[in-house]
PDB file of all heavy atoms in Angstrom:
ATOM      1  N   VAL A   1      28.906  59.411  51.340  1.00  0.00           N
ATOM      2  CA  VAL A   1      28.576  60.647  50.608  1.00  0.00           C
ATOM      3  C   VAL A   1      28.342  61.794  51.586  1.00  0.00           C
ATOM      4  O   VAL A   1      28.868  62.898  51.416  1.00  0.00           O
ATOM      5  CB  VAL A   1      27.349  60.428  49.691  1.00  0.00           C
ATOM      6  CG1 VAL A   1      26.839  61.747  49.136  1.00  0.00           C
ATOM      7  CG2 VAL A   1      27.699  59.467  48.562  1.00  0.00           C
ATOM      8  N   VAL A   2      27.576  61.550  52.641  1.00  0.00           N
ATOM      9  CA  VAL A   2      27.304  62.595  53.633  1.00  0.00           C
ATOM     10  C   VAL A   2      28.586  63.005  54.335  1.00  0.00           C
ATOM     11  O   VAL A   2      28.866  64.180  54.534  1.00  0.00           O
ATOM     12  CB  VAL A   2      26.220  62.120  54.639  1.00  0.00           C
ATOM     13  CG1 VAL A   2      26.108  63.073  55.816  1.00  0.00           C
ATOM     14  CG2 VAL A   2      24.884  61.960  53.942  1.00  0.00           C
ATOM     15  N   TRP A   3      29.409  62.040  54.712  1.00  0.00           N
ATOM     16  CA  TRP A   3      30.672  62.332  55.400  1.00  0.00           C
ATOM     17  C   TRP A   3      31.583  63.182  54.521  1.00  0.00           C
ATOM     18  O   TRP A   3      32.166  64.151  54.974  1.00  0.00           O
ATOM     19  CB  TRP A   3      31.351  61.020  55.778  1.00  0.00           C
ATOM     20  CG  TRP A   3      32.686  61.238  56.425  1.00  0.00           C
ATOM     21  CD1 TRP A   3      32.927  61.659  57.693  1.00  0.00           C
ATOM     22  CD2 TRP A   3      33.959  61.064  55.817  1.00  0.00           C
ATOM     23  NE1 TRP A   3      34.273  61.757  57.925  1.00  0.00           N
ATOM     24  CE2 TRP A   3      34.933  61.393  56.773  1.00  0.00           C
ATOM     25  CE3 TRP A   3      34.379  60.647  54.557  1.00  0.00           C
ATOM     26  CZ2 TRP A   3      36.291  61.327  56.507  1.00  0.00           C
ATOM     27  CZ3 TRP A   3      35.728  60.586  54.292  1.00  0.00           C
ATOM     28  CH2 TRP A   3      36.673  60.926  55.268  1.00  0.00           C
ATOM     29  N   GLN A   4      31.703  62.868  53.234  1.00  0.00           N
ATOM     30  CA  GLN A   4      32.553  63.648  52.337  1.00  0.00           C
ATOM     31  C   GLN A   4      32.021  65.060  52.150  1.00  0.00           C
ATOM     32  O   GLN A   4      32.782  66.010  52.097  1.00  0.00           O
ATOM     33  CB  GLN A   4      32.684  62.958  50.981  1.00  0.00           C
ATOM     34  CG  GLN A   4      33.592  61.767  51.014  1.00  0.00           C
ATOM     35  CD  GLN A   4      33.740  61.125  49.646  1.00  0.00           C
ATOM     36  OE1 GLN A   4      32.934  61.351  48.762  1.00  0.00           O
ATOM     37  NE2 GLN A   4      34.777  60.311  49.489  1.00  0.00           N
ATOM     38  N   LYS A   5      30.720  65.188  52.048  1.00  0.00           N
ATOM     39  CA  LYS A   5      30.128  66.513  51.842  1.00  0.00           C
ATOM     40  C   LYS A   5      30.384  67.425  53.037  1.00  0.00           C
ATOM     41  O   LYS A   5      30.763  68.577  52.881  1.00  0.00           O
ATOM     42  CB  LYS A   5      28.629  66.391  51.586  1.00  0.00           C
ATOM     43  CG  LYS A   5      27.960  67.720  51.400  1.00  0.00           C
ATOM     44  CD  LYS A   5      26.495  67.584  51.077  1.00  0.00           C
ATOM     45  CE  LYS A   5      25.889  68.952  51.027  1.00  0.00           C
ATOM     46  NZ  LYS A   5      25.071  69.196  49.906  1.00  0.00           N
ATOM     47  N   TYR A   6      30.178  66.932  54.247  1.00  0.00           N
ATOM     48  CA  TYR A   6      30.306  67.774  55.430  1.00  0.00           C
ATOM     49  C   TYR A   6      31.717  67.835  56.003  1.00  0.00           C
ATOM     50  O   TYR A   6      32.005  68.675  56.835  1.00  0.00           O
ATOM     51  CB  TYR A   6      29.313  67.322  56.510  1.00  0.00           C
ATOM     52  CG  TYR A   6      27.901  67.641  56.123  1.00  0.00           C
ATOM     53  CD1 TYR A   6      27.020  66.649  55.722  1.00  0.00           C
ATOM     54  CD2 TYR A   6      27.452  68.959  56.105  1.00  0.00           C
ATOM     55  CE1 TYR A   6      25.737  66.948  55.329  1.00  0.00           C
ATOM     56  CE2 TYR A   6      26.173  69.266  55.710  1.00  0.00           C
ATOM     57  CZ  TYR A   6      25.314  68.266  55.325  1.00  0.00           C
ATOM     58  OH  TYR A   6      24.041  68.565  54.936  1.00  0.00           O
ATOM     59  N   SER A   7      32.610  67.007  55.538  1.00  0.00           N
ATOM     60  CA  SER A   7      33.979  67.070  56.037  1.00  0.00           C
ATOM     61  C   SER A   7      34.927  67.638  54.984  1.00  0.00           C
ATOM     62  O   SER A   7      36.125  67.628  55.181  1.00  0.00           O
ATOM     63  CB  SER A   7      34.460  65.680  56.460  1.00  0.00           C
ATOM     64  OG  SER A   7      34.575  64.839  55.321  1.00  0.00           O
ATOM     65  N   ALA A   8      34.382  68.147  53.863  1.00  0.00           N
ATOM     66  CA  ALA A   8      35.231  68.728  52.817  1.00  0.00           C
ATOM     67  C   ALA A   8      35.877  70.007  53.348  1.00  0.00           C
ATOM     68  O   ALA A   8      35.230  70.809  54.016  1.00  0.00           O
ATOM     69  CB  ALA A   8      34.412  69.038  51.573  1.00  0.00           C
ATOM     70  N   PRO A   9      37.156  70.230  53.064  1.00  0.00           N
ATOM     71  CA  PRO A   9      37.833  71.442  53.546  1.00  0.00           C
ATOM     72  C   PRO A   9      37.364  72.667  52.781  1.00  0.00           C
ATOM     73  O   PRO A   9      36.790  72.560  51.697  1.00  0.00           O
ATOM     74  CB  PRO A   9      39.310  71.163  53.244  1.00  0.00           C
ATOM     75  CG  PRO A   9      39.280  70.210  52.095  1.00  0.00           C
ATOM     76  CD  PRO A   9      38.040  69.377  52.297  1.00  0.00           C
ATOM     77  N   ASP A  10      37.625  73.835  53.371  1.00  0.00           N
ATOM     78  CA  ASP A  10      37.329  75.084  52.679  1.00  0.00           C
ATOM     79  C   ASP A  10      38.161  75.134  51.411  1.00  0.00           C
ATOM     80  O   ASP A  10      39.292  74.673  51.370  1.00  0.00           O
ATOM     81  CB  ASP A  10      37.695  76.292  53.556  1.00  0.00           C
ATOM     82  CG  ASP A  10      36.804  76.395  54.772  1.00  0.00           C
ATOM     83  OD1 ASP A  10      35.714  75.811  54.749  1.00  0.00           O
ATOM     84  OD2 ASP A  10      37.218  77.073  55.738  1.00  0.00           O
ATOM     85  N   GLU A  11      37.615  75.752  50.373  1.00  0.00           N
ATOM     86  CA  GLU A  11      38.366  75.885  49.131  1.00  0.00           C
ATOM     87  C   GLU A  11      39.550  76.818  49.308  1.00  0.00           C
ATOM     88  O   GLU A  11      40.495  76.764  48.551  1.00  0.00           O
ATOM     89  CB  GLU A  11      37.457  76.394  48.020  1.00  0.00           C
ATOM     90  CG  GLU A  11      36.454  75.359  47.578  1.00  0.00           C
ATOM     91  CD  GLU A  11      35.599  75.849  46.430  1.00  0.00           C
ATOM     92  OE1 GLU A  11      35.989  76.825  45.778  1.00  0.00           O
ATOM     93  OE2 GLU A  11      34.552  75.252  46.202  1.00  0.00           O
ATOM     94  N   ASP A  12      39.497  77.698  50.299  1.00  0.00           N
ATOM     95  CA  ASP A  12      40.577  78.647  50.528  1.00  0.00           C
ATOM     96  C   ASP A  12      41.614  78.102  51.507  1.00  0.00           C
ATOM     97  O   ASP A  12      42.415  78.852  52.023  1.00  0.00           O
ATOM     98  CB  ASP A  12      40.024  79.966  51.079  1.00  0.00           C
ATOM     99  CG  ASP A  12      39.158  80.672  50.056  1.00  0.00           C
ATOM    100  OD1 ASP A  12      39.333  80.410  48.856  1.00  0.00           O
ATOM    101  OD2 ASP A  12      38.319  81.482  50.466  1.00  0.00           O
ATOM    102  N   ALA A  13      41.559  76.813  51.802  1.00  0.00           N
ATOM    103  CA  ALA A  13      42.482  76.257  52.769  1.00  0.00           C
ATOM    104  C   ALA A  13      43.280  75.132  52.123  1.00  0.00           C
ATOM    105  O   ALA A  13      42.867  74.546  51.141  1.00  0.00           O
ATOM    106  CB  ALA A  13      41.722  75.730  53.980  1.00  0.00           C
ATOM    107  N   SER A  14      44.431  74.874  52.699  1.00  0.00           N
ATOM    108  CA  SER A  14      45.242  73.756  52.235  1.00  0.00           C
ATOM    109  C   SER A  14      45.651  72.938  53.457  1.00  0.00           C
ATOM    110  O   SER A  14      45.711  73.457  54.571  1.00  0.00           O
ATOM    111  CB  SER A  14      46.468  74.260  51.476  1.00  0.00           C
ATOM    112  OG  SER A  14      47.281  75.022  52.341  1.00  0.00           O
ATOM    113  N   PHE A  15      45.910  71.652  53.254  1.00  0.00           N
ATOM    114  CA  PHE A  15      46.324  70.796  54.345  1.00  0.00           C
ATOM    115  C   PHE A  15      47.832  70.792  54.422  1.00  0.00           C
ATOM    116  O   PHE A  15      48.520  70.647  53.415  1.00  0.00           O
ATOM    117  CB  PHE A  15      45.809  69.374  54.138  1.00  0.00           C
ATOM    118  CG  PHE A  15      44.332  69.253  54.313  1.00  0.00           C
ATOM    119  CD1 PHE A  15      43.493  69.128  53.231  1.00  0.00           C
ATOM    120  CD2 PHE A  15      43.780  69.285  55.580  1.00  0.00           C
ATOM    121  CE1 PHE A  15      42.141  69.025  53.395  1.00  0.00           C
ATOM    122  CE2 PHE A  15      42.419  69.187  55.753  1.00  0.00           C
ATOM    123  CZ  PHE A  15      41.597  69.058  54.661  1.00  0.00           C
ATOM    124  N   THR A  16      48.353  70.963  55.633  1.00  0.00           N
ATOM    125  CA  THR A  16      49.793  70.930  55.850  1.00  0.00           C
ATOM    126  C   THR A  16      50.092  70.070  57.062  1.00  0.00           C
ATOM    127  O   THR A  16      49.263  69.921  57.955  1.00  0.00           O
ATOM    128  CB  THR A  16      50.373  72.329  56.083  1.00  0.00           C
ATOM    129  OG1 THR A  16      49.698  72.924  57.190  1.00  0.00           O
ATOM    130  CG2 THR A  16      50.206  73.213  54.870  1.00  0.00           C
ATOM    131  N   ARG A  17      51.291  69.512  57.079  1.00  0.00           N
ATOM    132  CA  ARG A  17      51.736  68.742  58.234  1.00  0.00           C
ATOM    133  C   ARG A  17      52.758  69.586  58.970  1.00  0.00           C
ATOM    134  O   ARG A  17      53.682  70.114  58.379  1.00  0.00           O
ATOM    135  CB  ARG A  17      52.391  67.438  57.805  1.00  0.00           C
ATOM    136  CG  ARG A  17      51.499  66.432  57.117  1.00  0.00           C
ATOM    137  CD  ARG A  17      50.603  65.718  58.044  1.00  0.00           C
ATOM    138  NE  ARG A  17      51.291  64.863  58.979  1.00  0.00           N
ATOM    139  CZ  ARG A  17      50.852  63.692  59.375  1.00  0.00           C
ATOM    140  NH1 ARG A  17      49.747  63.210  58.890  1.00  0.00           N
ATOM    141  NH2 ARG A  17      51.512  62.991  60.250  1.00  0.00           N
ATOM    142  N   THR A  18      52.558  69.750  60.262  1.00  0.00           N
ATOM    143  CA  THR A  18      53.528  70.452  61.094  1.00  0.00           C
ATOM    144  C   THR A  18      54.217  69.425  61.984  1.00  0.00           C
ATOM    145  O   THR A  18      53.786  68.271  62.075  1.00  0.00           O
ATOM    146  CB  THR A  18      52.840  71.515  61.966  1.00  0.00           C
ATOM    147  OG1 THR A  18      51.908  70.850  62.822  1.00  0.00           O
ATOM    148  CG2 THR A  18      52.119  72.554  61.120  1.00  0.00           C
ATOM    149  N   ASP A  19      55.266  69.842  62.668  1.00  0.00           N
ATOM    150  CA  ASP A  19      55.964  68.928  63.576  1.00  0.00           C
ATOM    151  C   ASP A  19      55.003  68.402  64.633  1.00  0.00           C
ATOM    152  O   ASP A  19      55.011  67.225  64.983  1.00  0.00           O
ATOM    153  CB  ASP A  19      57.145  69.631  64.244  1.00  0.00           C
ATOM    154  CG  ASP A  19      58.263  69.917  63.253  1.00  0.00           C
ATOM    155  OD1 ASP A  19      58.321  69.233  62.213  1.00  0.00           O
ATOM    156  OD2 ASP A  19      59.070  70.819  63.525  1.00  0.00           O
ATOM    157  N   GLU A  20      54.133  69.294  65.127  1.00  0.00           N
ATOM    158  CA  GLU A  20      53.165  68.893  66.151  1.00  0.00           C
ATOM    159  C   GLU A  20      52.162  67.900  65.578  1.00  0.00           C
ATOM    160  O   GLU A  20      51.833  66.895  66.196  1.00  0.00           O
ATOM    161  CB  GLU A  20      52.430  70.128  66.676  1.00  0.00           C
ATOM    162  CG  GLU A  20      51.404  69.803  67.739  1.00  0.00           C
ATOM    163  CD  GLU A  20      50.652  71.052  68.183  1.00  0.00           C
ATOM    164  OE1 GLU A  20      51.263  72.133  68.185  1.00  0.00           O
ATOM    165  OE2 GLU A  20      49.469  70.926  68.516  1.00  0.00           O
ATOM    166  N   SER A  21      51.666  68.160  64.350  1.00  0.00           N
ATOM    167  CA  SER A  21      50.665  67.268  63.774  1.00  0.00           C
ATOM    168  C   SER A  21      51.277  65.926  63.404  1.00  0.00           C
ATOM    169  O   SER A  21      50.593  64.909  63.420  1.00  0.00           O
ATOM    170  CB  SER A  21      50.011  67.905  62.551  1.00  0.00           C
ATOM    171  OG  SER A  21      50.930  68.019  61.486  1.00  0.00           O
ATOM    172  N   MET A  22      52.560  65.904  63.076  1.00  0.00           N
ATOM    173  CA  MET A  22      53.207  64.623  62.773  1.00  0.00           C
ATOM    174  C   MET A  22      53.307  63.776  64.039  1.00  0.00           C
ATOM    175  O   MET A  22      53.178  62.556  63.990  1.00  0.00           O
ATOM    176  CB  MET A  22      54.578  64.853  62.143  1.00  0.00           C
ATOM    177  CG  MET A  22      54.468  65.434  60.748  1.00  0.00           C
ATOM    178  SD  MET A  22      56.049  65.644  59.978  1.00  0.00           S
ATOM    179  CE  MET A  22      56.203  64.080  59.162  1.00  0.00           C
ATOM    180  N   ALA A  23      53.524  64.431  65.179  1.00  0.00           N
ATOM    181  CA  ALA A  23      53.627  63.699  66.443  1.00  0.00           C
ATOM    182  C   ALA A  23      52.274  63.128  66.837  1.00  0.00           C
ATOM    183  O   ALA A  23      52.194  62.020  67.366  1.00  0.00           O
ATOM    184  CB  ALA A  23      54.152  64.618  67.542  1.00  0.00           C
ATOM    185  N   THR A  24      51.197  63.885  66.565  1.00  0.00           N
ATOM    186  CA  THR A  24      49.866  63.421  66.953  1.00  0.00           C
ATOM    187  C   THR A  24      49.182  62.648  65.841  1.00  0.00           C
ATOM    188  O   THR A  24      48.149  62.041  66.066  1.00  0.00           O
ATOM    189  CB  THR A  24      48.970  64.612  67.338  1.00  0.00           C
ATOM    190  OG1 THR A  24      48.830  65.457  66.198  1.00  0.00           O
ATOM    191  CG2 THR A  24      49.545  65.385  68.502  1.00  0.00           C
ATOM    192  N   GLY A  25      49.746  62.700  64.628  1.00  0.00           N
ATOM    193  CA  GLY A  25      49.143  61.987  63.505  1.00  0.00           C
ATOM    194  C   GLY A  25      47.941  62.700  62.925  1.00  0.00           C
ATOM    195  O   GLY A  25      47.110  62.090  62.276  1.00  0.00           O
ATOM    196  N   THR A  26      47.805  64.004  63.188  1.00  0.00           N
ATOM    197  CA  THR A  26      46.667  64.759  62.665  1.00  0.00           C
ATOM    198  C   THR A  26      47.144  65.771  61.623  1.00  0.00           C
ATOM    199  O   THR A  26      48.306  66.154  61.577  1.00  0.00           O
ATOM    200  CB  THR A  26      45.946  65.517  63.794  1.00  0.00           C
ATOM    201  OG1 THR A  26      46.871  66.428  64.378  1.00  0.00           O
ATOM    202  CG2 THR A  26      45.396  64.580  64.834  1.00  0.00           C
ATOM    203  N   TRP A  27      46.214  66.183  60.825  1.00  0.00           N
ATOM    204  CA  TRP A  27      46.487  67.208  59.811  1.00  0.00           C
ATOM    205  C   TRP A  27      45.912  68.527  60.303  1.00  0.00           C
ATOM    206  O   TRP A  27      44.883  68.559  60.973  1.00  0.00           O
ATOM    207  CB  TRP A  27      45.820  66.861  58.477  1.00  0.00           C
ATOM    208  CG  TRP A  27      46.461  65.715  57.778  1.00  0.00           C
ATOM    209  CD1 TRP A  27      46.197  64.388  57.966  1.00  0.00           C
ATOM    210  CD2 TRP A  27      47.485  65.788  56.802  1.00  0.00           C
ATOM    211  NE1 TRP A  27      46.983  63.624  57.155  1.00  0.00           N
ATOM    212  CE2 TRP A  27      47.792  64.469  56.418  1.00  0.00           C
ATOM    213  CE3 TRP A  27      48.182  66.826  56.203  1.00  0.00           C
ATOM    214  CZ2 TRP A  27      48.757  64.169  55.480  1.00  0.00           C
ATOM    215  CZ3 TRP A  27      49.132  66.518  55.248  1.00  0.00           C
ATOM    216  CH2 TRP A  27      49.421  65.204  54.907  1.00  0.00           C
ATOM    217  N   THR A  28      46.583  69.624  59.960  1.00  0.00           N
ATOM    218  CA  THR A  28      46.037  70.934  60.310  1.00  0.00           C
ATOM    219  C   THR A  28      45.678  71.671  59.033  1.00  0.00           C
ATOM    220  O   THR A  28      46.284  71.458  57.990  1.00  0.00           O
ATOM    221  CB  THR A  28      47.061  71.778  61.096  1.00  0.00           C
ATOM    222  OG1 THR A  28      48.234  71.918  60.318  1.00  0.00           O
ATOM    223  CG2 THR A  28      47.392  71.135  62.422  1.00  0.00           C
ATOM    224  N   THR A  29      44.685  72.529  59.132  1.00  0.00           N
ATOM    225  CA  THR A  29      44.237  73.300  57.984  1.00  0.00           C
ATOM    226  C   THR A  29      44.760  74.726  58.111  1.00  0.00           C
ATOM    227  O   THR A  29      44.579  75.369  59.137  1.00  0.00           O
ATOM    228  CB  THR A  29      42.696  73.331  57.915  1.00  0.00           C
ATOM    229  OG1 THR A  29      42.232  71.981  57.928  1.00  0.00           O
ATOM    230  CG2 THR A  29      42.215  74.034  56.681  1.00  0.00           C
ATOM    231  N   THR A  30      45.415  75.209  57.063  1.00  0.00           N
ATOM    232  CA  THR A  30      45.900  76.591  57.050  1.00  0.00           C
ATOM    233  C   THR A  30      45.363  77.282  55.816  1.00  0.00           C
ATOM    234  O   THR A  30      45.153  76.641  54.779  1.00  0.00           O
ATOM    235  CB  THR A  30      47.443  76.649  57.023  1.00  0.00           C
ATOM    236  OG1 THR A  30      47.903  75.923  55.892  1.00  0.00           O
ATOM    237  CG2 THR A  30      48.043  76.058  58.279  1.00  0.00           C
ATOM    238  N   PRO A  31      45.132  78.587  55.897  1.00  0.00           N
ATOM    239  CA  PRO A  31      44.630  79.295  54.719  1.00  0.00           C
ATOM    240  C   PRO A  31      45.624  79.190  53.570  1.00  0.00           C
ATOM    241  O   PRO A  31      46.837  79.228  53.773  1.00  0.00           O
ATOM    242  CB  PRO A  31      44.502  80.742  55.187  1.00  0.00           C
ATOM    243  CG  PRO A  31      44.505  80.675  56.677  1.00  0.00           C
ATOM    244  CD  PRO A  31      45.269  79.446  57.048  1.00  0.00           C
ATOM    245  N   ALA A  32      45.100  79.043  52.376  1.00  0.00           N
ATOM    246  CA  ALA A  32      45.951  78.981  51.192  1.00  0.00           C
ATOM    247  C   ALA A  32      46.499  80.362  50.888  1.00  0.00           C
ATOM    248  O   ALA A  32      45.848  81.370  51.124  1.00  0.00           O
ATOM    249  CB  ALA A  32      45.152  78.469  49.995  1.00  0.00           C
ATOM    250  N   THR A  33      47.702  80.417  50.364  1.00  0.00           N
ATOM    251  CA  THR A  33      48.310  81.689  49.992  1.00  0.00           C
ATOM    252  C   THR A  33      47.712  82.139  48.668  1.00  0.00           C
ATOM    253  O   THR A  33      47.743  81.389  47.693  1.00  0.00           O
ATOM    254  CB  THR A  33      49.838  81.524  49.838  1.00  0.00           C
ATOM    255  OG1 THR A  33      50.346  80.970  51.036  1.00  0.00           O
ATOM    256  CG2 THR A  33      50.498  82.848  49.536  1.00  0.00           C
ATOM    257  N   PRO A  34      47.151  83.352  48.638  1.00  0.00           N
ATOM    258  CA  PRO A  34      46.564  83.806  47.376  1.00  0.00           C
ATOM    259  C   PRO A  34      47.670  84.001  46.342  1.00  0.00           C
ATOM    260  O   PRO A  34      48.800  84.336  46.681  1.00  0.00           O
ATOM    261  CB  PRO A  34      45.905  85.143  47.736  1.00  0.00           C
ATOM    262  CG  PRO A  34      46.579  85.579  48.989  1.00  0.00           C
ATOM    263  CD  PRO A  34      47.056  84.349  49.686  1.00  0.00           C
TER     264      PRO A  34
END
Protein backbone atom coordinates (compact mmCIF):
# COMPACT_ATOMS: atom_id res chain seq x y z
CA VAL A 1 0.00 0.00 0.00
CA VAL A 2 2.78 2.45 0.91
CA TRP A 3 4.77 1.57 -2.23
CA GLN A 4 1.74 2.15 -4.49
CA LYS A 5 0.88 5.44 -2.83
CA TYR A 6 4.36 6.93 -3.15
CA SER A 7 5.25 5.46 -6.53
CA ALA A 8 1.99 6.50 -8.26
CA PRO A 9 2.67 8.59 -11.40
CA ASP A 10 1.50 12.16 -11.80
CA GLU A 11 -2.03 12.39 -13.14
CA ASP A 12 -0.71 14.68 -15.87
CA ALA A 13 1.81 12.12 -17.07
CA SER A 14 1.64 9.02 -19.19
CA PHE A 15 4.03 6.09 -19.46
CA THR A 16 5.73 5.55 -22.80
CA ARG A 17 8.39 3.19 -24.07
CA THR A 18 11.21 4.69 -26.10
CA ASP A 19 13.95 2.87 -28.00
CA GLU A 20 16.34 3.71 -25.17
CA SER A 21 13.95 2.50 -22.46
CA MET A 22 13.31 -0.74 -24.35
CA ALA A 23 17.06 -1.41 -24.39
CA THR A 24 17.35 -0.77 -20.65
CA GLY A 25 13.99 -2.29 -19.75
CA THR A 26 12.79 0.89 -18.03
CA TRP A 27 9.75 3.05 -18.55
CA THR A 28 9.94 6.81 -18.97
CA THR A 29 7.33 9.31 -17.87
CA THR A 30 6.26 12.04 -20.29
CA PRO A 31 3.65 14.75 -19.79
CA ALA A 32 0.25 13.83 -21.15
CA THR A 33 -1.01 15.80 -24.12
CA PRO A 34 -3.88 18.03 -23.03
